[in-house]
Amino acid sequence: MSQRVTSRSFLASHLRTRAAVLAAGMGVTAVVGAGIAAAADTTAAHSTSTTAKAVQTQADVQAKAAKTQAAEAQKTTEVKKATEVKKAAKPAQPAKKKAAWVDPVKKYTVSATYAQAGGMWQSAHSGQDFAVPNGTKVMATHGGTVVKAGGNGAGDGPAYGNAVVINHGNGMYSQYAHLSQVNVQPGQVVKTGQKIALSGNTGNSSGPHLHFEIRTGAHYGSAIDPVKFLRGKGVNF
């Protein structure tokens, strides 16, 4: 009787102990689970905060870049407007007028002058001589129509050698003599400054040069002072 009571008492106590252990275990599990949940919440909150900061930083950078770009665009616009205003304020330069009359040759030395006396001419010198190397380009001093060209002074006599005469209209003619080469023919229309011949030493000449005349007619004997005439047309010697 005494032994059976003891066994039951021991069994009851053992059961109570296991129940207590199980209860304790469940409590620990609950605590651990709560801790894990809390840690998860903390991690999620931290992650959300980090993402928000990254987004805000990116937004700030983009806003700053947009502001800088807008400032540069404004500056470019202002510079462009200032340039346009400056151009508008500057008066337009008139187009440079092309010379109506030009020298018959370039880089010359003035030698025998108009009306100069000497044994090389029948009376006085009828034109202006330009000392230039043989083969120098000779140009039409003004636009017009070639009326005479060739040897024998183009009809004015052998003293002139090869020659050209151009009619410029309004009763004015120009003559070019002692040429080594003639590059135009009668009836040909030429422009101011156009090449018409090469200088030479043909005819009654003491050395390579261009004999140049301004005439009131196509033939010998109607010459006027060519230097004075061309200066009146804006050509300087």
C-alpha atoms as a PDB file:
ATOM      1  CA  MET A   1       0.000   0.000   0.000  1.00  0.00           C
ATOM      2  CA  SER A   2       2.695   2.419   0.879  1.00  0.00           C
ATOM      3  CA  GLN A   3       4.835   1.468  -2.178  1.00  0.00           C
ATOM      4  CA  ARG A   4       1.966   1.964  -4.724  1.00  0.00           C
ATOM      5  CA  VAL A   5       1.188   5.441  -3.365  1.00  0.00           C
ATOM      6  CA  THR A   6       4.781   6.410  -3.740  1.00  0.00           C
ATOM      7  CA  SER A   7       4.859   5.381  -7.409  1.00  0.00           C
ATOM      8  CA  ARG A   8       1.790   7.390  -8.227  1.00  0.00           C
ATOM      9  CA  SER A   9       3.222  10.385  -6.461  1.00  0.00           C
ATOM     10  CA  PHE A  10       6.464  10.068  -8.416  1.00  0.00           C
ATOM     11  CA  LEU A  11       4.633   9.783 -11.731  1.00  0.00           C
ATOM     12  CA  ALA A  12       2.562  12.840 -11.046  1.00  0.00           C
ATOM     13  CA  SER A  13       5.645  14.798 -10.124  1.00  0.00           C
ATOM     14  CA  HIS A  14       7.434  13.633 -13.285  1.00  0.00           C
ATOM     15  CA  LEU A  15       4.546  14.717 -15.457  1.00  0.00           C
ATOM     16  CA  ARG A  16       4.459  18.104 -13.819  1.00  0.00           C
ATOM     17  CA  THR A  17       8.192  18.496 -14.474  1.00  0.00           C
ATOM     18  CA  ARG A  18       7.855  17.656 -18.198  1.00  0.00           C
ATOM     19  CA  ALA A  19       4.934  20.042 -18.485  1.00  0.00           C
ATOM     20  CA  ALA A  20       7.010  22.764 -16.930  1.00  0.00           C
ATOM     21  CA  VAL A  21       9.921  22.027 -19.308  1.00  0.00           C
ATOM     22  CA  LEU A  22       7.620  22.064 -22.313  1.00  0.00           C
ATOM     23  CA  ALA A  23       6.080  25.296 -21.156  1.00  0.00           C
ATOM     24  CA  ALA A  24       9.481  26.786 -20.669  1.00  0.00           C
ATOM     25  CA  GLY A  25      10.527  25.625 -24.119  1.00  0.00           C
ATOM     26  CA  MET A  26       7.499  27.164 -25.672  1.00  0.00           C
ATOM     27  CA  GLY A  27       8.249  30.387 -23.887  1.00  0.00           C
ATOM     28  CA  VAL A  28      11.818  30.402 -25.205  1.00  0.00           C
ATOM     29  CA  THR A  29      10.555  29.713 -28.727  1.00  0.00           C
ATOM     30  CA  ALA A  30       8.105  32.552 -28.416  1.00  0.00           C
ATOM     31  CA  VAL A  31      10.838  34.867 -27.207  1.00  0.00           C
ATOM     32  CA  VAL A  32      13.235  33.825 -29.994  1.00  0.00           C
ATOM     33  CA  GLY A  33      10.469  34.227 -32.591  1.00  0.00           C
ATOM     34  CA  ALA A  34       9.684  37.672 -31.288  1.00  0.00           C
ATOM     35  CA  GLY A  35      13.349  38.576 -31.449  1.00  0.00           C
ATOM     36  CA  ILE A  36      13.655  37.414 -35.054  1.00  0.00           C
ATOM     37  CA  ALA A  37      10.536  39.349 -36.013  1.00  0.00           C
ATOM     38  CA  ALA A  38      11.888  42.459 -34.332  1.00  0.00           C
ATOM     39  CA  ALA A  39      15.244  42.058 -36.099  1.00  0.00           C
ATOM     40  CA  ALA A  40      13.439  41.633 -39.451  1.00  0.00           C
ATOM     41  CA  ASP A  41      11.434  44.775 -38.837  1.00  0.00           C
ATOM     42  CA  THR A  42      14.625  46.690 -37.951  1.00  0.00           C
ATOM     43  CA  THR A  43      16.418  45.445 -41.107  1.00  0.00           C
ATOM     44  CA  ALA A  44      13.456  46.340 -43.311  1.00  0.00           C
ATOM     45  CA  ALA A  45      13.251  49.800 -41.773  1.00  0.00           C
ATOM     46  CA  HIS A  46      17.000  50.327 -42.275  1.00  0.00           C
ATOM     47  CA  SER A  47      16.768  49.130 -45.895  1.00  0.00           C
ATOM     48  CA  THR A  48      13.852  51.470 -46.580  1.00  0.00           C
ATOM     49  CA  SER A  49      15.738  54.386 -45.038  1.00  0.00           C
ATOM     50  CA  THR A  50      18.868  53.647 -47.133  1.00  0.00           C
ATOM     51  CA  THR A  51      16.837  53.416 -50.341  1.00  0.00           C
ATOM     52  CA  ALA A  52      15.067  56.675 -49.569  1.00  0.00           C
ATOM     53  CA  LYS A  53      18.400  58.412 -48.964  1.00  0.00           C
ATOM     54  CA  ALA A  54      19.825  57.052 -52.261  1.00  0.00           C
ATOM     55  CA  VAL A  55      16.756  58.231 -54.167  1.00  0.00           C
ATOM     56  CA  GLN A  56      16.965  61.653 -52.547  1.00  0.00           C
ATOM     57  CA  THR A  57      20.701  61.917 -53.325  1.00  0.00           C
ATOM     58  CA  GLN A  58      20.101  61.006 -56.958  1.00  0.00           C
ATOM     59  CA  ALA A  59      17.271  63.527 -57.149  1.00  0.00           C
ATOM     60  CA  ASP A  60      19.531  66.228 -55.680  1.00  0.00           C
ATOM     61  CA  VAL A  61      22.299  65.435 -58.205  1.00  0.00           C
ATOM     62  CA  GLN A  62      19.851  65.529 -61.112  1.00  0.00           C
ATOM     63  CA  ALA A  63      18.343  68.777 -59.888  1.00  0.00           C
ATOM     64  CA  LYS A  64      21.808  70.334 -59.589  1.00  0.00           C
ATOM     65  CA  ALA A  65      22.770  69.137 -63.089  1.00  0.00           C
ATOM     66  CA  ALA A  66      19.521  70.504 -64.523  1.00  0.00           C
ATOM     67  CA  LYS A  67      20.135  73.844 -62.810  1.00  0.00           C
ATOM     68  CA  THR A  68      23.694  74.027 -64.175  1.00  0.00           C
ATOM     69  CA  GLN A  69      22.498  73.139 -67.674  1.00  0.00           C
ATOM     70  CA  ALA A  70      19.777  75.778 -67.518  1.00  0.00           C
ATOM     71  CA  ALA A  71      22.326  78.388 -66.387  1.00  0.00           C
ATOM     72  CA  GLU A  72      24.668  77.505 -69.257  1.00  0.00           C
ATOM     73  CA  ALA A  73      21.807  77.656 -71.757  1.00  0.00           C
ATOM     74  CA  GLN A  74      20.805  81.067 -70.414  1.00  0.00           C
ATOM     75  CA  LYS A  75      24.396  82.295 -70.670  1.00  0.00           C
ATOM     76  CA  THR A  76      24.667  81.041 -74.274  1.00  0.00           C
ATOM     77  CA  THR A  77      21.404  82.785 -75.164  1.00  0.00           C
ATOM     78  CA  GLU A  78      22.614  86.047 -73.612  1.00  0.00           C
ATOM     79  CA  VAL A  79      25.941  85.881 -75.458  1.00  0.00           C
ATOM     80  CA  LYS A  80      24.133  85.175 -78.748  1.00  0.00           C
ATOM     81  CA  LYS A  81      21.766  88.103 -78.198  1.00  0.00           C
ATOM     82  CA  ALA A  82      24.672  90.406 -77.338  1.00  0.00           C
ATOM     83  CA  THR A  83      26.504  89.342 -80.519  1.00  0.00           C
ATOM     84  CA  GLU A  84      23.407  89.949 -82.633  1.00  0.00           C
ATOM     85  CA  VAL A  85      22.924  93.376 -81.069  1.00  0.00           C
ATOM     86  CA  LYS A  86      26.580  94.213 -81.746  1.00  0.00           C
ATOM     87  CA  LYS A  87      26.278  93.119 -85.372  1.00  0.00           C
ATOM     88  CA  ALA A  88      23.095  95.122 -85.786  1.00  0.00           C
ATOM     89  CA  ALA A  89      24.746  98.197 -84.310  1.00  0.00           C
ATOM     90  CA  LYS A  90      27.748  97.941 -86.656  1.00  0.00           C
ATOM     91  CA  PRO A  91      27.026  99.735 -89.942  1.00  0.00           C
ATOM     92  CA  ALA A  92      27.256  97.581 -93.031  1.00  0.00           C
ATOM     93  CA  GLN A  93      30.377  98.197 -95.063  1.00  0.00           C
ATOM     94  CA  PRO A  94      29.666  99.176 -98.637  1.00  0.00           C
ATOM     95  CA  ALA A  95      31.003  96.813-101.257  1.00  0.00           C
ATOM     96  CA  LYS A  96      34.336  97.925-102.608  1.00  0.00           C
ATOM     97  CA  LYS A  97      33.870  99.292-106.089  1.00  0.00           C
ATOM     98  CA  LYS A  98      35.968  97.743-108.789  1.00  0.00           C
ATOM     99  CA  ALA A  99      38.320 100.221-110.446  1.00  0.00           C
ATOM    100  CA  ALA A 100      36.959 101.545-113.725  1.00  0.00           C
ATOM    101  CA  TRP A 101      40.440 102.310-115.087  1.00  0.00           C
ATOM    102  CA  VAL A 102      43.750 100.625-114.227  1.00  0.00           C
ATOM    103  CA  ASP A 103      47.439 100.822-115.060  1.00  0.00           C
ATOM    104  CA  PRO A 104      48.285  98.944-118.276  1.00  0.00           C
ATOM    105  CA  VAL A 105      51.170  97.153-116.486  1.00  0.00           C
ATOM    106  CA  LYS A 106      52.228  96.487-112.899  1.00  0.00           C
ATOM    107  CA  LYS A 107      55.602  96.995-111.162  1.00  0.00           C
ATOM    108  CA  TYR A 108      56.964  99.419-113.708  1.00  0.00           C
ATOM    109  CA  THR A 109      59.352 102.359-113.838  1.00  0.00           C
ATOM    110  CA  VAL A 110      58.090 105.496-115.548  1.00  0.00           C
ATOM    111  CA  SER A 111      60.538 106.462-118.290  1.00  0.00           C
ATOM    112  CA  ALA A 112      59.925 108.758-121.270  1.00  0.00           C
ATOM    113  CA  THR A 113      56.962 111.052-120.630  1.00  0.00           C
ATOM    114  CA  TYR A 114      54.305 112.621-122.809  1.00  0.00           C
ATOM    115  CA  ALA A 115      55.464 115.510-125.038  1.00  0.00           C
ATOM    116  CA  GLN A 116      59.115 114.848-124.169  1.00  0.00           C
ATOM    117  CA  ALA A 117      61.483 115.975-126.928  1.00  0.00           C
ATOM    118  CA  GLY A 118      64.111 113.663-128.380  1.00  0.00           C
ATOM    119  CA  GLY A 119      65.672 112.273-131.514  1.00  0.00           C
ATOM    120  CA  MET A 120      63.780 108.998-131.305  1.00  0.00           C
ATOM    121  CA  TRP A 121      60.462 110.583-132.244  1.00  0.00           C
ATOM    122  CA  GLN A 122      59.279 112.536-135.261  1.00  0.00           C
ATOM    123  CA  SER A 123      58.486 115.467-133.017  1.00  0.00           C
ATOM    124  CA  ALA A 124      57.549 115.118-129.349  1.00  0.00           C
ATOM    125  CA  HIS A 125      56.889 111.858-127.561  1.00  0.00           C
ATOM    126  CA  SER A 126      53.195 110.966-128.052  1.00  0.00           C
ATOM    127  CA  GLY A 127      52.663 108.791-124.989  1.00  0.00           C
ATOM    128  CA  GLN A 128      53.961 107.509-121.667  1.00  0.00           C
ATOM    129  CA  ASP A 129      56.626 104.797-121.500  1.00  0.00           C
ATOM    130  CA  PHE A 130      56.625 102.140-118.761  1.00  0.00           C
ATOM    131  CA  ALA A 131      59.958 100.341-118.411  1.00  0.00           C
ATOM    132  CA  VAL A 132      59.203  96.675-117.693  1.00  0.00           C
ATOM    133  CA  PRO A 133      60.942  93.348-118.425  1.00  0.00           C
ATOM    134  CA  ASN A 134      60.309  91.786-121.817  1.00  0.00           C
ATOM    135  CA  GLY A 135      57.206  89.552-121.678  1.00  0.00           C
ATOM    136  CA  THR A 136      55.379  91.502-118.935  1.00  0.00           C
ATOM    137  CA  LYS A 137      51.590  91.136-119.045  1.00  0.00           C
ATOM    138  CA  VAL A 138      49.888  94.123-120.667  1.00  0.00           C
ATOM    139  CA  MET A 139      46.277  94.794-119.611  1.00  0.00           C
ATOM    140  CA  ALA A 140      43.400  96.779-121.065  1.00  0.00           C
ATOM    141  CA  THR A 141      43.330  99.954-119.034  1.00  0.00           C
ATOM    142  CA  HIS A 142      39.553 100.065-119.468  1.00  0.00           C
ATOM    143  CA  GLY A 143      36.865  97.903-121.029  1.00  0.00           C
ATOM    144  CA  GLY A 144      36.127  98.359-124.717  1.00  0.00           C
ATOM    145  CA  THR A 145      36.418  96.940-128.222  1.00  0.00           C
ATOM    146  CA  VAL A 146      39.697  96.227-130.002  1.00  0.00           C
ATOM    147  CA  VAL A 147      39.797  98.218-133.235  1.00  0.00           C
ATOM    148  CA  LYS A 148      43.413  97.639-134.315  1.00  0.00           C
ATOM    149  CA  ALA A 149      45.924  94.881-133.524  1.00  0.00           C
ATOM    150  CA  GLY A 150      49.099  93.532-135.097  1.00  0.00           C
ATOM    151  CA  GLY A 151      52.433  94.507-136.625  1.00  0.00           C
ATOM    152  CA  ASN A 152      53.449  97.772-138.286  1.00  0.00           C
ATOM    153  CA  GLY A 153      52.011  99.613-135.320  1.00  0.00           C
ATOM    154  CA  ALA A 154      48.585  98.097-136.123  1.00  0.00           C
ATOM    155  CA  GLY A 155      48.537 100.494-139.071  1.00  0.00           C
ATOM    156  CA  ASP A 156      50.216 103.452-137.368  1.00  0.00           C
ATOM    157  CA  GLY A 157      53.679 102.752-138.767  1.00  0.00           C
ATOM    158  CA  PRO A 158      56.703 100.521-138.075  1.00  0.00           C
ATOM    159  CA  ALA A 159      58.027 102.776-135.326  1.00  0.00           C
ATOM    160  CA  TYR A 160      55.420 101.321-132.961  1.00  0.00           C
ATOM    161  CA  GLY A 161      56.289  97.682-133.710  1.00  0.00           C
ATOM    162  CA  ASN A 162      53.476  95.369-132.664  1.00  0.00           C
ATOM    163  CA  ALA A 163      50.545  97.364-131.283  1.00  0.00           C
ATOM    164  CA  VAL A 164      46.932  97.278-130.077  1.00  0.00           C
ATOM    165  CA  VAL A 165      44.295 100.047-130.062  1.00  0.00           C
ATOM    166  CA  ILE A 166      41.079  99.807-128.002  1.00  0.00           C
ATOM    167  CA  ASN A 167      37.949 101.950-128.380  1.00  0.00           C
ATOM    168  CA  HIS A 168      36.515 102.765-124.913  1.00  0.00           C
ATOM    169  CA  GLY A 169      33.549 104.783-126.134  1.00  0.00           C
ATOM    170  CA  ASN A 170      32.842 108.487-125.666  1.00  0.00           C
ATOM    171  CA  GLY A 171      35.596 109.310-128.141  1.00  0.00           C
ATOM    172  CA  MET A 172      38.393 107.782-126.012  1.00  0.00           C
ATOM    173  CA  TYR A 173      40.964 105.206-127.218  1.00  0.00           C
ATOM    174  CA  SER A 174      44.050 103.590-125.687  1.00  0.00           C
ATOM    175  CA  GLN A 175      47.120 102.376-127.600  1.00  0.00           C
ATOM    176  CA  TYR A 176      49.776  99.837-126.509  1.00  0.00           C
ATOM    177  CA  ALA A 177      52.990  99.529-128.545  1.00  0.00           C
ATOM    178  CA  HIS A 178      56.411  97.775-128.881  1.00  0.00           C
ATOM    179  CA  LEU A 179      54.725  94.489-127.918  1.00  0.00           C
ATOM    180  CA  SER A 180      56.440  91.113-128.146  1.00  0.00           C
ATOM    181  CA  GLN A 181      53.094  89.308-128.426  1.00  0.00           C
ATOM    182  CA  VAL A 182      49.531  90.344-129.312  1.00  0.00           C
ATOM    183  CA  ASN A 183      46.732  88.293-127.702  1.00  0.00           C
ATOM    184  CA  VAL A 184      43.627  90.012-129.103  1.00  0.00           C
ATOM    185  CA  GLN A 185      42.170  90.764-132.525  1.00  0.00           C
ATOM    186  CA  PRO A 186      40.020  93.518-134.049  1.00  0.00           C
ATOM    187  CA  GLY A 187      36.373  93.330-133.026  1.00  0.00           C
ATOM    188  CA  GLN A 188      37.108  91.546-129.754  1.00  0.00           C
ATOM    189  CA  VAL A 189      35.446  92.959-126.620  1.00  0.00           C
ATOM    190  CA  VAL A 190      37.764  93.171-123.592  1.00  0.00           C
ATOM    191  CA  LYS A 191      37.257  93.982-119.927  1.00  0.00           C
ATOM    192  CA  THR A 192      39.130  96.324-117.623  1.00  0.00           C
ATOM    193  CA  GLY A 193      42.362  94.636-116.530  1.00  0.00           C
ATOM    194  CA  GLN A 194      42.133  91.840-119.089  1.00  0.00           C
ATOM    195  CA  LYS A 195      45.394  90.601-120.589  1.00  0.00           C
ATOM    196  CA  ILE A 196      45.716  91.772-124.191  1.00  0.00           C
ATOM    197  CA  ALA A 197      49.450  91.368-124.945  1.00  0.00           C
ATOM    198  CA  LEU A 198      53.017  90.967-123.654  1.00  0.00           C
ATOM    199  CA  SER A 199      55.467  93.832-123.519  1.00  0.00           C
ATOM    200  CA  GLY A 200      58.501  93.791-125.779  1.00  0.00           C
ATOM    201  CA  ASN A 201      61.088  95.756-127.712  1.00  0.00           C
ATOM    202  CA  THR A 202      59.723  95.805-131.256  1.00  0.00           C
ATOM    203  CA  GLY A 203      59.749  98.838-133.586  1.00  0.00           C
ATOM    204  CA  ASN A 204      61.667 102.004-132.753  1.00  0.00           C
ATOM    205  CA  SER A 205      62.658 101.058-129.196  1.00  0.00           C
ATOM    206  CA  SER A 206      65.814 101.421-127.119  1.00  0.00           C
ATOM    207  CA  GLY A 207      64.910  98.637-124.668  1.00  0.00           C
ATOM    208  CA  PRO A 208      62.022  96.553-123.311  1.00  0.00           C
ATOM    209  CA  HIS A 209      59.120  98.785-122.369  1.00  0.00           C
ATOM    210  CA  LEU A 210      55.455  99.541-123.038  1.00  0.00           C
ATOM    211  CA  HIS A 211      54.553 102.640-125.004  1.00  0.00           C
ATOM    212  CA  PHE A 212      51.071 103.728-123.883  1.00  0.00           C
ATOM    213  CA  GLU A 213      48.805 106.388-125.329  1.00  0.00           C
ATOM    214  CA  ILE A 214      45.369 107.847-124.691  1.00  0.00           C
ATOM    215  CA  ARG A 215      43.833 109.137-127.922  1.00  0.00           C
ATOM    216  CA  THR A 216      40.714 110.951-129.037  1.00  0.00           C
ATOM    217  CA  GLY A 217      40.747 108.925-132.261  1.00  0.00           C
ATOM    218  CA  ALA A 218      41.922 105.499-133.374  1.00  0.00           C
ATOM    219  CA  HIS A 219      44.958 106.720-135.347  1.00  0.00           C
ATOM    220  CA  TYR A 220      48.312 108.380-134.755  1.00  0.00           C
ATOM    221  CA  GLY A 221      48.238 112.122-134.145  1.00  0.00           C
ATOM    222  CA  SER A 222      45.283 112.298-131.712  1.00  0.00           C
ATOM    223  CA  ALA A 223      47.105 111.541-128.456  1.00  0.00           C
ATOM    224  CA  ILE A 224      46.626 113.478-125.198  1.00  0.00           C
ATOM    225  CA  ASP A 225      48.543 113.321-121.924  1.00  0.00           C
ATOM    226  CA  PRO A 226      47.840 109.761-120.671  1.00  0.00           C
ATOM    227  CA  VAL A 227      49.099 110.332-117.134  1.00  0.00           C
ATOM    228  CA  LYS A 228      46.896 113.371-116.611  1.00  0.00           C
ATOM    229  CA  PHE A 229      43.922 111.508-118.088  1.00  0.00           C
ATOM    230  CA  LEU A 230      44.340 108.388-115.944  1.00  0.00           C
ATOM    231  CA  ARG A 231      44.882 110.427-112.790  1.00  0.00           C
ATOM    232  CA  GLY A 232      41.526 112.022-113.533  1.00  0.00           C
ATOM    233  CA  LYS A 233      40.102 108.472-113.511  1.00  0.00           C
ATOM    234  CA  GLY A 234      41.616 107.663-110.111  1.00  0.00           C
ATOM    235  CA  VAL A 235      44.768 105.880-111.329  1.00  0.00           C
ATOM    236  CA  ASN A 236      47.924 106.954-109.473  1.00  0.00           C
ATOM    237  CA  PHE A 237      51.447 106.806-110.851  1.00  0.00           C
END
